[in-house]
Structure formats: C-alpha cells, structure tokens
PDB file of all heavy atoms in Angstrom:
ATOM      1  N   CYS A   1     -69.043  21.448   0.820  1.00  0.00           N
ATOM      2  CA  CYS A   1     -67.704  20.907   1.277  1.00  0.00           C
ATOM      3  C   CYS A   1     -67.150  21.709   2.434  1.00  0.00           C
ATOM      4  O   CYS A   1     -67.057  22.910   2.309  1.00  0.00           O
ATOM      5  CB  CYS A   1     -66.796  20.989  -0.016  1.00  0.00           C
ATOM      6  SG  CYS A   1     -65.158  20.256   0.292  1.00  0.00           S
ATOM      7  N   VAL A   2     -66.830  20.942   3.378  1.00  0.00           N
ATOM      8  CA  VAL A   2     -66.407  21.597   4.658  1.00  0.00           C
ATOM      9  C   VAL A   2     -64.922  21.325   4.803  1.00  0.00           C
ATOM     10  O   VAL A   2     -64.390  20.244   4.695  1.00  0.00           O
ATOM     11  CB  VAL A   2     -67.206  20.895   5.811  1.00  0.00           C
ATOM     12  CG1 VAL A   2     -66.626  21.332   7.251  1.00  0.00           C
ATOM     13  CG2 VAL A   2     -68.690  21.215   5.754  1.00  0.00           C
ATOM     14  N   ASN A   3     -64.195  22.403   5.183  1.00  0.00           N
ATOM     15  CA  ASN A   3     -62.838  22.326   5.588  1.00  0.00           C
ATOM     16  C   ASN A   3     -62.797  21.845   7.074  1.00  0.00           C
ATOM     17  O   ASN A   3     -63.445  22.391   7.873  1.00  0.00           O
ATOM     18  CB  ASN A   3     -62.084  23.784   5.473  1.00  0.00           C
ATOM     19  CG  ASN A   3     -60.725  23.664   5.849  1.00  0.00           C
ATOM     20  OD1 ASN A   3     -60.331  24.474   6.767  1.00  0.00           O
ATOM     21  ND2 ASN A   3     -59.827  22.914   5.239  1.00  0.00           N
ATOM     22  N   PRO A   4     -61.949  20.908   7.400  1.00  0.00           N
ATOM     23  CA  PRO A   4     -61.924  20.357   8.791  1.00  0.00           C
ATOM     24  C   PRO A   4     -61.493  21.307   9.894  1.00  0.00           C
ATOM     25  O   PRO A   4     -60.682  22.162   9.654  1.00  0.00           O
ATOM     26  CB  PRO A   4     -61.110  19.052   8.745  1.00  0.00           C
ATOM     27  CG  PRO A   4     -60.234  19.340   7.574  1.00  0.00           C
ATOM     28  CD  PRO A   4     -61.050  20.101   6.531  1.00  0.00           C
ATOM     29  N   LEU A   5     -62.117  21.249  11.048  1.00  0.00           N
ATOM     30  CA  LEU A   5     -61.676  21.854  12.210  1.00  0.00           C
ATOM     31  C   LEU A   5     -60.207  21.450  12.382  1.00  0.00           C
ATOM     32  O   LEU A   5     -59.817  20.373  12.233  1.00  0.00           O
ATOM     33  CB  LEU A   5     -62.604  21.452  13.398  1.00  0.00           C
ATOM     34  CG  LEU A   5     -62.216  22.216  14.760  1.00  0.00           C
ATOM     35  CD1 LEU A   5     -62.602  23.647  14.616  1.00  0.00           C
ATOM     36  CD2 LEU A   5     -62.930  21.427  15.806  1.00  0.00           C
ATOM     37  N   GLY A   6     -59.401  22.436  12.735  1.00  0.00           N
ATOM     38  CA  GLY A   6     -57.901  22.150  13.001  1.00  0.00           C
ATOM     39  C   GLY A   6     -57.126  22.484  11.806  1.00  0.00           C
ATOM     40  O   GLY A   6     -55.893  22.408  11.866  1.00  0.00           O
ATOM     41  N   SER A   7     -57.714  22.794  10.753  1.00  0.00           N
ATOM     42  CA  SER A   7     -56.946  23.093   9.510  1.00  0.00           C
ATOM     43  C   SER A   7     -56.427  24.515   9.483  1.00  0.00           C
ATOM     44  O   SER A   7     -56.630  25.201  10.415  1.00  0.00           O
ATOM     45  CB  SER A   7     -57.805  22.820   8.195  1.00  0.00           C
ATOM     46  OG  SER A   7     -57.174  22.937   7.009  1.00  0.00           O
ATOM     47  N   CYS A   8     -55.846  24.903   8.293  1.00  0.00           N
ATOM     48  CA  CYS A   8     -55.343  26.286   8.193  1.00  0.00           C
ATOM     49  C   CYS A   8     -55.978  26.847   6.895  1.00  0.00           C
ATOM     50  O   CYS A   8     -55.459  27.734   6.322  1.00  0.00           O
ATOM     51  CB  CYS A   8     -53.851  26.210   8.064  1.00  0.00           C
ATOM     52  SG  CYS A   8     -53.303  25.216   6.754  1.00  0.00           S
ATOM     53  N   LYS A   9     -57.000  26.288   6.532  1.00  0.00           N
ATOM     54  CA  LYS A   9     -57.684  26.686   5.218  1.00  0.00           C
ATOM     55  C   LYS A   9     -59.018  27.446   5.447  1.00  0.00           C
ATOM     56  O   LYS A   9     -59.862  27.451   4.653  1.00  0.00           O
ATOM     57  CB  LYS A   9     -57.895  25.482   4.249  1.00  0.00           C
ATOM     58  CG  LYS A   9     -56.609  24.639   4.022  1.00  0.00           C
ATOM     59  CD  LYS A   9     -55.634  25.456   3.057  1.00  0.00           C
ATOM     60  CE  LYS A   9     -54.488  24.715   2.657  1.00  0.00           C
ATOM     61  NZ  LYS A   9     -54.719  23.709   1.704  1.00  0.00           N
ATOM     62  N   GLY A  10     -59.142  28.037   6.589  1.00  0.00           N
ATOM     63  CA  GLY A  10     -60.352  28.879   6.911  1.00  0.00           C
ATOM     64  C   GLY A  10     -61.073  28.441   8.202  1.00  0.00           C
ATOM     65  O   GLY A  10     -61.618  29.268   8.917  1.00  0.00           O
ATOM     66  N   SER A  11     -61.152  27.149   8.435  1.00  0.00           N
ATOM     67  CA  SER A  11     -61.719  26.618   9.752  1.00  0.00           C
ATOM     68  C   SER A  11     -60.599  26.868  10.892  1.00  0.00           C
ATOM     69  O   SER A  11     -59.519  26.975  10.613  1.00  0.00           O
ATOM     70  CB  SER A  11     -61.948  25.116   9.668  1.00  0.00           C
ATOM     71  OG  SER A  11     -63.065  24.901   8.730  1.00  0.00           O
ATOM     72  N   THR A  12     -61.235  27.148  12.089  1.00  0.00           N
ATOM     73  CA  THR A  12     -60.229  27.355  13.249  1.00  0.00           C
ATOM     74  C   THR A  12     -59.286  26.269  13.473  1.00  0.00           C
ATOM     75  O   THR A  12     -59.728  25.099  13.579  1.00  0.00           O
ATOM     76  CB  THR A  12     -61.128  27.704  14.429  1.00  0.00           C
ATOM     77  OG1 THR A  12     -62.034  28.787  14.191  1.00  0.00           O
ATOM     78  CG2 THR A  12     -60.287  27.956  15.648  1.00  0.00           C
ATOM     79  N   GLY A  13     -58.045  26.784  13.641  1.00  0.00           N
ATOM     80  CA  GLY A  13     -57.014  25.755  13.888  1.00  0.00           C
ATOM     81  C   GLY A  13     -55.839  26.390  14.595  1.00  0.00           C
ATOM     82  O   GLY A  13     -55.980  27.650  15.001  1.00  0.00           O
ATOM     83  N   PRO A  14     -54.647  25.722  14.686  1.00  0.00           N
ATOM     84  CA  PRO A  14     -53.492  26.284  15.447  1.00  0.00           C
ATOM     85  C   PRO A  14     -53.056  27.697  14.828  1.00  0.00           C
ATOM     86  O   PRO A  14     -52.644  28.493  15.660  1.00  0.00           O
ATOM     87  CB  PRO A  14     -52.414  25.219  15.191  1.00  0.00           C
ATOM     88  CG  PRO A  14     -53.152  23.970  15.047  1.00  0.00           C
ATOM     89  CD  PRO A  14     -54.515  24.305  14.333  1.00  0.00           C
ATOM     90  N   PRO A  15     -53.199  28.005  13.579  1.00  0.00           N
ATOM     91  CA  PRO A  15     -52.724  29.327  13.187  1.00  0.00           C
ATOM     92  C   PRO A  15     -53.765  30.436  13.421  1.00  0.00           C
ATOM     93  O   PRO A  15     -53.502  31.576  13.241  1.00  0.00           O
ATOM     94  CB  PRO A  15     -52.475  29.237  11.674  1.00  0.00           C
ATOM     95  CG  PRO A  15     -53.412  28.086  11.217  1.00  0.00           C
ATOM     96  CD  PRO A  15     -53.480  27.120  12.367  1.00  0.00           C
ATOM     97  N   SER A  16     -55.006  30.094  13.757  1.00  0.00           N
ATOM     98  CA  SER A  16     -56.027  31.000  14.073  1.00  0.00           C
ATOM     99  C   SER A  16     -55.761  31.792  15.316  1.00  0.00           C
ATOM    100  O   SER A  16     -55.096  31.432  16.129  1.00  0.00           O
ATOM    101  CB  SER A  16     -57.419  30.389  14.091  1.00  0.00           C
ATOM    102  OG  SER A  16     -57.635  29.515  13.014  1.00  0.00           O
ATOM    103  N   VAL A  17     -56.432  32.969  15.303  1.00  0.00           N
ATOM    104  CA  VAL A  17     -56.201  33.825  16.594  1.00  0.00           C
ATOM    105  C   VAL A  17     -57.010  33.278  17.802  1.00  0.00           C
ATOM    106  O   VAL A  17     -58.251  33.098  17.651  1.00  0.00           O
ATOM    107  CB  VAL A  17     -56.566  35.302  16.236  1.00  0.00           C
ATOM    108  CG1 VAL A  17     -56.581  36.180  17.614  1.00  0.00           C
ATOM    109  CG2 VAL A  17     -55.602  35.841  15.198  1.00  0.00           C
ATOM    110  N   ASP A  18     -56.467  33.089  18.939  1.00  0.00           N
ATOM    111  CA  ASP A  18     -57.142  32.745  20.102  1.00  0.00           C
ATOM    112  C   ASP A  18     -57.650  34.010  20.796  1.00  0.00           C
ATOM    113  O   ASP A  18     -56.963  34.842  21.117  1.00  0.00           O
ATOM    114  CB  ASP A  18     -56.028  32.087  21.042  1.00  0.00           C
ATOM    115  CG  ASP A  18     -56.695  31.662  22.509  1.00  0.00           C
ATOM    116  OD1 ASP A  18     -57.847  32.026  22.715  1.00  0.00           O
ATOM    117  OD2 ASP A  18     -55.970  30.974  23.242  1.00  0.00           O
ATOM    118  N   PRO A  19     -59.043  34.036  20.848  1.00  0.00           N
ATOM    119  CA  PRO A  19     -59.664  35.287  21.449  1.00  0.00           C
ATOM    120  C   PRO A  19     -59.190  35.591  22.848  1.00  0.00           C
ATOM    121  O   PRO A  19     -59.385  36.718  23.305  1.00  0.00           O
ATOM    122  CB  PRO A  19     -61.153  35.058  21.173  1.00  0.00           C
ATOM    123  CG  PRO A  19     -61.331  33.536  21.202  1.00  0.00           C
ATOM    124  CD  PRO A  19     -60.117  33.016  20.480  1.00  0.00           C
ATOM    125  N   ASN A  20     -58.784  34.542  23.519  1.00  0.00           N
ATOM    126  CA  ASN A  20     -58.388  34.808  24.933  1.00  0.00           C
ATOM    127  C   ASN A  20     -56.980  35.475  24.952  1.00  0.00           C
ATOM    128  O   ASN A  20     -56.725  36.105  26.071  1.00  0.00           O
ATOM    129  CB  ASN A  20     -58.172  33.368  25.624  1.00  0.00           C
ATOM    130  CG  ASN A  20     -59.629  32.661  25.857  1.00  0.00           C
ATOM    131  OD1 ASN A  20     -60.578  33.284  26.162  1.00  0.00           O
ATOM    132  ND2 ASN A  20     -59.595  31.326  25.471  1.00  0.00           N
ATOM    133  N   THR A  21     -56.297  35.486  24.030  1.00  0.00           N
ATOM    134  CA  THR A  21     -54.871  36.055  24.060  1.00  0.00           C
ATOM    135  C   THR A  21     -54.600  37.050  22.972  1.00  0.00           C
ATOM    136  O   THR A  21     -53.729  37.785  23.088  1.00  0.00           O
ATOM    137  CB  THR A  21     -53.765  34.899  23.911  1.00  0.00           C
ATOM    138  OG1 THR A  21     -53.743  34.318  22.554  1.00  0.00           O
ATOM    139  CG2 THR A  21     -53.992  33.864  24.943  1.00  0.00           C
ATOM    140  N   GLY A  22     -55.397  36.952  21.859  1.00  0.00           N
ATOM    141  CA  GLY A  22     -55.153  37.860  20.718  1.00  0.00           C
ATOM    142  C   GLY A  22     -54.088  37.372  19.894  1.00  0.00           C
ATOM    143  O   GLY A  22     -53.625  38.182  18.927  1.00  0.00           O
ATOM    144  N   GLU A  23     -53.528  36.247  20.107  1.00  0.00           N
ATOM    145  CA  GLU A  23     -52.379  35.689  19.398  1.00  0.00           C
ATOM    146  C   GLU A  23     -52.768  34.363  18.708  1.00  0.00           C
ATOM    147  O   GLU A  23     -53.807  33.643  19.204  1.00  0.00           O
ATOM    148  CB  GLU A  23     -51.129  35.510  20.154  1.00  0.00           C
ATOM    149  CG  GLU A  23     -50.613  36.952  20.769  1.00  0.00           C
ATOM    150  CD  GLU A  23     -49.389  36.717  21.623  1.00  0.00           C
ATOM    151  OE1 GLU A  23     -48.888  35.487  21.761  1.00  0.00           O
ATOM    152  OE2 GLU A  23     -48.750  37.745  22.000  1.00  0.00           O
ATOM    153  N   SER A  24     -51.932  33.802  17.819  1.00  0.00           N
ATOM    154  CA  SER A  24     -52.342  32.424  17.335  1.00  0.00           C
ATOM    155  C   SER A  24     -52.289  31.439  18.441  1.00  0.00           C
ATOM    156  O   SER A  24     -51.396  31.505  19.299  1.00  0.00           O
ATOM    157  CB  SER A  24     -51.271  32.134  16.243  1.00  0.00           C
ATOM    158  OG  SER A  24     -51.318  33.069  15.162  1.00  0.00           O
ATOM    159  N   TYR A  25     -53.172  30.358  18.164  1.00  0.00           N
ATOM    160  CA  TYR A  25     -53.054  29.352  19.119  1.00  0.00           C
ATOM    161  C   TYR A  25     -51.862  28.633  19.214  1.00  0.00           C
ATOM    162  O   TYR A  25     -51.364  28.323  20.299  1.00  0.00           O
ATOM    163  CB  TYR A  25     -54.237  28.342  18.724  1.00  0.00           C
ATOM    164  CG  TYR A  25     -55.678  28.673  19.096  1.00  0.00           C
ATOM    165  CD1 TYR A  25     -56.530  29.132  18.131  1.00  0.00           C
ATOM    166  CD2 TYR A  25     -56.080  28.483  20.426  1.00  0.00           C
ATOM    167  CE1 TYR A  25     -57.832  29.422  18.433  1.00  0.00           C
ATOM    168  CE2 TYR A  25     -57.481  28.659  20.663  1.00  0.00           C
ATOM    169  CZ  TYR A  25     -58.352  29.235  19.757  1.00  0.00           C
ATOM    170  OH  TYR A  25     -59.583  29.412  20.041  1.00  0.00           O
ATOM    171  N   ARG A  26     -51.337  28.414  18.056  1.00  0.00           N
ATOM    172  CA  ARG A  26     -50.108  27.464  17.989  1.00  0.00           C
ATOM    173  C   ARG A  26     -50.357  26.223  18.795  1.00  0.00           C
ATOM    174  O   ARG A  26     -51.343  25.540  18.588  1.00  0.00           O
ATOM    175  CB  ARG A  26     -48.899  28.294  18.359  1.00  0.00           C
ATOM    176  CG  ARG A  26     -48.582  29.506  17.646  1.00  0.00           C
ATOM    177  CD  ARG A  26     -47.275  30.183  18.140  1.00  0.00           C
ATOM    178  NE  ARG A  26     -47.145  31.519  17.512  1.00  0.00           N
ATOM    179  CZ  ARG A  26     -46.402  31.658  16.369  1.00  0.00           C
ATOM    180  NH1 ARG A  26     -45.824  30.674  15.807  1.00  0.00           N
ATOM    181  NH2 ARG A  26     -46.305  32.887  15.850  1.00  0.00           N
ATOM    182  N   LEU A  27     -49.513  25.845  19.801  1.00  0.00           N
ATOM    183  CA  LEU A  27     -49.678  24.579  20.479  1.00  0.00           C
ATOM    184  C   LEU A  27     -50.668  24.682  21.625  1.00  0.00           C
ATOM    185  O   LEU A  27     -50.841  23.743  22.344  1.00  0.00           O
ATOM    186  CB  LEU A  27     -48.385  24.099  20.973  1.00  0.00           C
ATOM    187  CG  LEU A  27     -47.298  23.759  19.822  1.00  0.00           C
ATOM    188  CD1 LEU A  27     -46.081  22.987  20.469  1.00  0.00           C
ATOM    189  CD2 LEU A  27     -47.986  22.932  18.732  1.00  0.00           C
ATOM    190  N   ASP A  28     -51.155  25.916  21.858  1.00  0.00           N
ATOM    191  CA  ASP A  28     -52.270  26.004  22.858  1.00  0.00           C
ATOM    192  C   ASP A  28     -53.626  25.679  22.324  1.00  0.00           C
ATOM    193  O   ASP A  28     -54.564  25.509  23.073  1.00  0.00           O
ATOM    194  CB  ASP A  28     -52.339  27.501  23.328  1.00  0.00           C
ATOM    195  CG  ASP A  28     -51.092  27.858  24.180  1.00  0.00           C
ATOM    196  OD1 ASP A  28     -50.607  26.978  24.887  1.00  0.00           O
ATOM    197  OD2 ASP A  28     -50.775  29.047  24.233  1.00  0.00           O
ATOM    198  N   PHE A  29     -53.675  25.284  20.957  1.00  0.00           N
ATOM    199  CA  PHE A  29     -54.919  24.747  20.431  1.00  0.00           C
ATOM    200  C   PHE A  29     -55.228  23.334  21.219  1.00  0.00           C
ATOM    201  O   PHE A  29     -54.298  22.508  21.349  1.00  0.00           O
ATOM    202  CB  PHE A  29     -54.717  24.447  18.874  1.00  0.00           C
ATOM    203  CG  PHE A  29     -56.053  24.226  18.166  1.00  0.00           C
ATOM    204  CD1 PHE A  29     -56.917  25.317  17.969  1.00  0.00           C
ATOM    205  CD2 PHE A  29     -56.409  22.958  17.918  1.00  0.00           C
ATOM    206  CE1 PHE A  29     -58.105  24.991  17.257  1.00  0.00           C
ATOM    207  CE2 PHE A  29     -57.552  22.712  17.177  1.00  0.00           C
ATOM    208  CZ  PHE A  29     -58.419  23.758  16.831  1.00  0.00           C
ATOM    209  N   PRO A  30     -56.453  23.113  21.596  1.00  0.00           N
ATOM    210  CA  PRO A  30     -56.715  21.841  22.231  1.00  0.00           C
ATOM    211  C   PRO A  30     -56.527  20.627  21.362  1.00  0.00           C
ATOM    212  O   PRO A  30     -56.434  20.739  20.173  1.00  0.00           O
ATOM    213  CB  PRO A  30     -58.277  21.984  22.602  1.00  0.00           C
ATOM    214  CG  PRO A  30     -58.686  23.475  22.349  1.00  0.00           C
ATOM    215  CD  PRO A  30     -57.611  24.019  21.394  1.00  0.00           C
ATOM    216  N   ASP A  31     -56.205  19.574  22.045  1.00  0.00           N
ATOM    217  CA  ASP A  31     -56.067  18.333  21.361  1.00  0.00           C
ATOM    218  C   ASP A  31     -57.259  18.030  20.395  1.00  0.00           C
ATOM    219  O   ASP A  31     -58.431  18.189  20.852  1.00  0.00           O
ATOM    220  CB  ASP A  31     -55.941  17.150  22.330  1.00  0.00           C
ATOM    221  CG  ASP A  31     -54.565  17.055  23.084  1.00  0.00           C
ATOM    222  OD1 ASP A  31     -53.653  17.710  22.500  1.00  0.00           O
ATOM    223  OD2 ASP A  31     -54.485  16.380  24.058  1.00  0.00           O
ATOM    224  N   LEU A  32     -56.977  17.683  19.194  1.00  0.00           N
ATOM    225  CA  LEU A  32     -57.872  17.617  18.171  1.00  0.00           C
ATOM    226  C   LEU A  32     -58.229  16.161  17.898  1.00  0.00           C
ATOM    227  O   LEU A  32     -57.351  15.296  17.866  1.00  0.00           O
ATOM    228  CB  LEU A  32     -57.453  18.177  16.861  1.00  0.00           C
ATOM    229  CG  LEU A  32     -58.432  18.081  15.639  1.00  0.00           C
ATOM    230  CD1 LEU A  32     -59.486  19.014  15.845  1.00  0.00           C
ATOM    231  CD2 LEU A  32     -57.566  18.563  14.383  1.00  0.00           C
ATOM    232  N   SER A  33     -59.539  15.771  17.703  1.00  0.00           N
ATOM    233  CA  SER A  33     -59.958  14.371  17.333  1.00  0.00           C
ATOM    234  C   SER A  33     -60.838  14.504  16.107  1.00  0.00           C
ATOM    235  O   SER A  33     -61.331  15.406  15.776  1.00  0.00           O
ATOM    236  CB  SER A  33     -60.665  13.713  18.469  1.00  0.00           C
ATOM    237  OG  SER A  33     -61.999  14.346  18.674  1.00  0.00           O
ATOM    238  N   ILE A  34     -60.854  13.304  15.448  1.00  0.00           N
ATOM    239  CA  ILE A  34     -61.807  13.042  14.315  1.00  0.00           C
ATOM    240  C   ILE A  34     -63.251  13.414  14.758  1.00  0.00           C
ATOM    241  O   ILE A  34     -64.013  13.973  13.967  1.00  0.00           O
ATOM    242  CB  ILE A  34     -61.652  11.648  13.745  1.00  0.00           C
ATOM    243  CG1 ILE A  34     -60.372  11.437  13.070  1.00  0.00           C
ATOM    244  CG2 ILE A  34     -62.828  11.386  12.820  1.00  0.00           C
ATOM    245  CD1 ILE A  34     -60.107  12.167  11.805  1.00  0.00           C
TER     246      ILE A  34
END
C-alpha cells in the first residue's frame, strides 16, 4: 500500500523539507498531477 506523492503521511509533499532550502516546500512544491 503506497501513500501518494504530495501527501503528508510519509511521501514527499508540501510539508516535507526541500533540500534546496532546508525548509518545508509549502507552496514551492511543484504542481502535482495524478
């Protein structure tokens, strides 16, 4: 069972840390598609 990309339940998503900045992506996360 896979948690979807973009979620906040372990897969990388807006609350995850952006390695380019060291801070959460927030709205800098790229546009997400199915």
